[in-house]
Amino acid sequence: MLENQKHLFNLPENPIYLNNAYMGPQLKSVEQIGIENLKRKSRPFEITAADFFTEKEVLRSHFAELIHADDPKSIAIIPSVSYGIANALANIPFDEGDGIVVLEEQFPSNFYAWKALEEDKGVVIHTIAAPPIAAGRGRRWNDLILEAIQRTTKVVALPHAHWADGTRFDLEKIREKTDEVGAYLIIDGTQSVGVLPFSVEKIRPDALICGGYKWLLGPYSLGVAYYGERFYEGTPIENNWMNHVGSEDFRNLVNYNYAMKPKAVRYDVGESSNFILTPMLIEGIRQLLEWQPERIQEYCKSISEGPLQQLQDAGYFVEDAAYRTHHLFGIYLPDVSQMEALQQIIQEAGIFVSYRGNAVRVSCHLYNTQSELEKLVSCFI
């Protein structure tokens, strides 16, 4: 099992940070790389034409390895989840009456764009509400998603883990059902990829879109996306000089080449060779590959299992471990009216968590300890 890795982060002893789902802290190595590359721009004569492309390919290779994708060219470099969703949406042929399955209270960047299609294309949004707080909630929510996928379904757009409480969705079963009706499976992996194992080989999503500043331990404003074969010949929402064939030859840029680069590379955002942010995200993913998502999950389980059992024994609801992640989970109060007082207690204890819907959202990583979670529990009971 992995040991605590707080020494690799620039985190003080206090406060207690149990809020990685809000924003991941930077590794010391990521910070150093960012500083070094910030200074690099002061010496532009050292930046060569090849530098516009080399590190991008490293980033693609690292992320492809992380998600078990065979071809780095299936990876696009994006600025945000909404950008990645927009590229997918723009290349799906919609007809009036097509169904789009989403979840109740899923992250807005994976909702607003689909919702806008109701007026633009006449599609029908099917929002799958979370079952009542009770034993078996996660299993029932998964069943409801499968039941909602019908012959009229064109897209299923959902996360691997719900951002508000960590409920985990069985993407392999959902993929099987979407295959039966020919629907697209679009996954927002921002709150899971990097610390929860994800295999493109097993799940076969049509798109997997990830912001980089949370569990990928990268900087803000840079992310990565996998696009499958159904998008290989698509039209990107942005026509920049770098996503065209032959852009590596600067002398020949005056001779326009209208052919797009292969596969997902065509969906790269303009200026994707960002000389500061791209190396930072490379380093974040490199460290995750060394740690391995499976081992991170096991560590988070080891420090949270006992404290969460205490909460459950005291009458608080936490989703069954079989249907939630160990790095991100929601704690539901028996009486929601007590939330405001609890927030004050947690704040005074110097603990950072989030509040999403009716859940106290807790998100831990390798820099946290069991004693920190026990201190959080003491605020409840």
Foldseek 3Di string as FASTA:
>chain_A
DDAFDQVQFPDDPFDAEQALLVFNGAGPVLVVLLVVLVVVVVVCVVQDLCLLPDLVLLLLVLLCVLQVHDDSLLKAKFQDLLQVVVQVVQLFDDAAAAEEEEEPQADVSQPPVVVVCCVVHNYHYDYQYFDPQDAPRLVVSQVSLLVPLDLRYAEYEYEQAGSQFFFGHDLLVVLVSCVVNVHAYEYEHASPRLQHHHYCVRNVHQKYWYACGRNLSFDHRITMMGHDPSCFPPAAPDDDLVQFPPSSPVVCSVPDGPHGDTHCHNHYDPSSSVSNRSVSSSVSSVVSVVCDNVNFQVVLCVLVVVLVVVLVVVPWGWHDPVGGTSQKGWIADPDLVCVVVLVVLCVVSRYDFDHRDRTGMGGDTSNDGSVSSNSSSVSVD
